């Protein structure tokens, strides 16, 4: 397991959250 994968996953989740907040 790479740390980069986790970071990317977190980024994706964060972007989705922002997307819903600023919908």
PDB file of N, CA and C in Angstrom:
ATOM      1  N   UNK A   1       0.850  -1.202   0.000  1.00  0.00           N
ATOM      2  CA  UNK A   1       0.000   0.000   0.000  1.00  0.00           C
ATOM      3  C   UNK A   1       0.886   1.252   0.000  1.00  0.00           C
ATOM      4  N   UNK A   2       0.566   2.170  -0.849  1.00  0.00           N
ATOM      5  CA  UNK A   2       1.346   3.401  -0.916  1.00  0.00           C
ATOM      6  C   UNK A   2       0.622   4.539  -0.225  1.00  0.00           C
ATOM      7  N   UNK A   3       1.388   5.428   0.339  1.00  0.00           N
ATOM      8  CA  UNK A   3       0.814   6.590   1.009  1.00  0.00           C
ATOM      9  C   UNK A   3       0.197   7.538  -0.014  1.00  0.00           C
ATOM     10  N   UNK A   4       0.771   7.534  -1.201  1.00  0.00           N
ATOM     11  CA  UNK A   4       0.292   8.387  -2.267  1.00  0.00           C
ATOM     12  C   UNK A   4      -1.166   8.056  -2.610  1.00  0.00           C
ATOM     13  N   UNK A   5      -1.485   6.781  -2.579  1.00  0.00           N
ATOM     14  CA  UNK A   5      -2.844   6.342  -2.884  1.00  0.00           C
ATOM     15  C   UNK A   5      -3.837   6.906  -1.862  1.00  0.00           C
ATOM     16  N   UNK A   6      -3.447   6.869  -0.615  1.00  0.00           N
ATOM     17  CA  UNK A   6      -4.292   7.385   0.455  1.00  0.00           C
ATOM     18  C   UNK A   6      -4.488   8.892   0.305  1.00  0.00           C
ATOM     19  N   UNK A   7      -3.425   9.563  -0.028  1.00  0.00           N
ATOM     20  CA  UNK A   7      -3.484  11.011  -0.208  1.00  0.00           C
ATOM     21  C   UNK A   7      -4.394  11.373  -1.374  1.00  0.00           C
ATOM     22  N   UNK A   8      -4.291  10.624  -2.445  1.00  0.00           N
ATOM     23  CA  UNK A   8      -5.118  10.846  -3.615  1.00  0.00           C
ATOM     24  C   UNK A   8      -6.589  10.604  -3.284  1.00  0.00           C
ATOM     25  N   UNK A   9      -6.840   9.560  -2.514  1.00  0.00           N
ATOM     26  CA  UNK A   9      -8.198   9.236  -2.112  1.00  0.00           C
ATOM     27  C   UNK A   9      -8.790  10.344  -1.247  1.00  0.00           C
ATOM     28  N   UNK A  10      -7.983  10.868  -0.364  1.00  0.00           N
ATOM     29  CA  UNK A  10      -8.422  11.944   0.509  1.00  0.00           C
ATOM     30  C   UNK A  10      -8.715  13.203  -0.298  1.00  0.00           C
ATOM     31  N   UNK A  11      -7.879  13.464  -1.282  1.00  0.00           N
ATOM     32  CA  UNK A  11      -8.075  14.621  -2.149  1.00  0.00           C
ATOM     33  C   UNK A  11      -9.389  14.506  -2.902  1.00  0.00           C
ATOM     34  N   UNK A  12      -9.646  13.318  -3.412  1.00  0.00           N
ATOM     35  CA  UNK A  12     -10.873  13.070  -4.155  1.00  0.00           C
ATOM     36  C   UNK A  12     -12.090  13.302  -3.260  1.00  0.00           C
ATOM     37  N   UNK A  13     -12.024  12.802  -2.055  1.00  0.00           N
ATOM     38  CA  UNK A  13     -13.117  12.967  -1.106  1.00  0.00           C
ATOM     39  C   UNK A  13     -13.322  14.441  -0.755  1.00  0.00           C
ATOM     40  N   UNK A  14     -12.232  15.153  -0.582  1.00  0.00           N
ATOM     41  CA  UNK A  14     -12.288  16.572  -0.254  1.00  0.00           C
ATOM     42  C   UNK A  14     -12.922  17.360  -1.397  1.00  0.00           C
ATOM     43  N   UNK A  15     -12.535  17.051  -2.613  1.00  0.00           N
ATOM     44  CA  UNK A  15     -13.096  17.729  -3.776  1.00  0.00           C
ATOM     45  C   UNK A  15     -14.581  17.467  -3.897  1.00  0.00           C
ATOM     46  N   UNK A  16     -14.991  16.245  -3.603  1.00  0.00           N
ATOM     47  CA  UNK A  16     -16.404  15.900  -3.657  1.00  0.00           C
ATOM     48  C   UNK A  16     -17.187  16.680  -2.607  1.00  0.00           C
ATOM     49  N   UNK A  17     -16.596  16.816  -1.436  1.00  0.00           N
ATOM     50  CA  UNK A  17     -17.246  17.572  -0.362  1.00  0.00           C
ATOM     51  C   UNK A  17     -17.412  19.030  -0.759  1.00  0.00           C
ATOM     52  N   UNK A  18     -16.366  19.616  -1.315  1.00  0.00           N
ATOM     53  CA  UNK A  18     -16.441  21.006  -1.753  1.00  0.00           C
ATOM     54  C   UNK A  18     -17.463  21.166  -2.869  1.00  0.00           C
ATOM     55  N   UNK A  19     -17.515  20.180  -3.728  1.00  0.00           N
ATOM     56  CA  UNK A  19     -18.459  20.207  -4.832  1.00  0.00           C
ATOM     57  C   UNK A  19     -19.894  20.279  -4.319  1.00  0.00           C
ATOM     58  N   UNK A  20     -20.197  19.491  -3.314  1.00  0.00           N
ATOM     59  CA  UNK A  20     -21.539  19.499  -2.739  1.00  0.00           C
ATOM     60  C   UNK A  20     -21.816  20.781  -1.952  1.00  0.00           C
ATOM     61  N   UNK A  21     -20.806  21.293  -1.311  1.00  0.00           N
ATOM     62  CA  UNK A  21     -20.989  22.516  -0.530  1.00  0.00           C
ATOM     63  C   UNK A  21     -21.270  23.720  -1.421  1.00  0.00           C
ATOM     64  N   UNK A  22     -20.592  23.762  -2.551  1.00  0.00           N
ATOM     65  CA  UNK A  22     -20.754  24.905  -3.447  1.00  0.00           C
ATOM     66  C   UNK A  22     -21.642  24.579  -4.645  1.00  0.00           C
ATOM     67  N   UNK A  23     -22.519  23.635  -4.482  1.00  0.00           N
ATOM     68  CA  UNK A  23     -23.393  23.244  -5.586  1.00  0.00           C
ATOM     69  C   UNK A  23     -24.348  24.389  -5.933  1.00  0.00           C
TER      70      UNK A  23
END
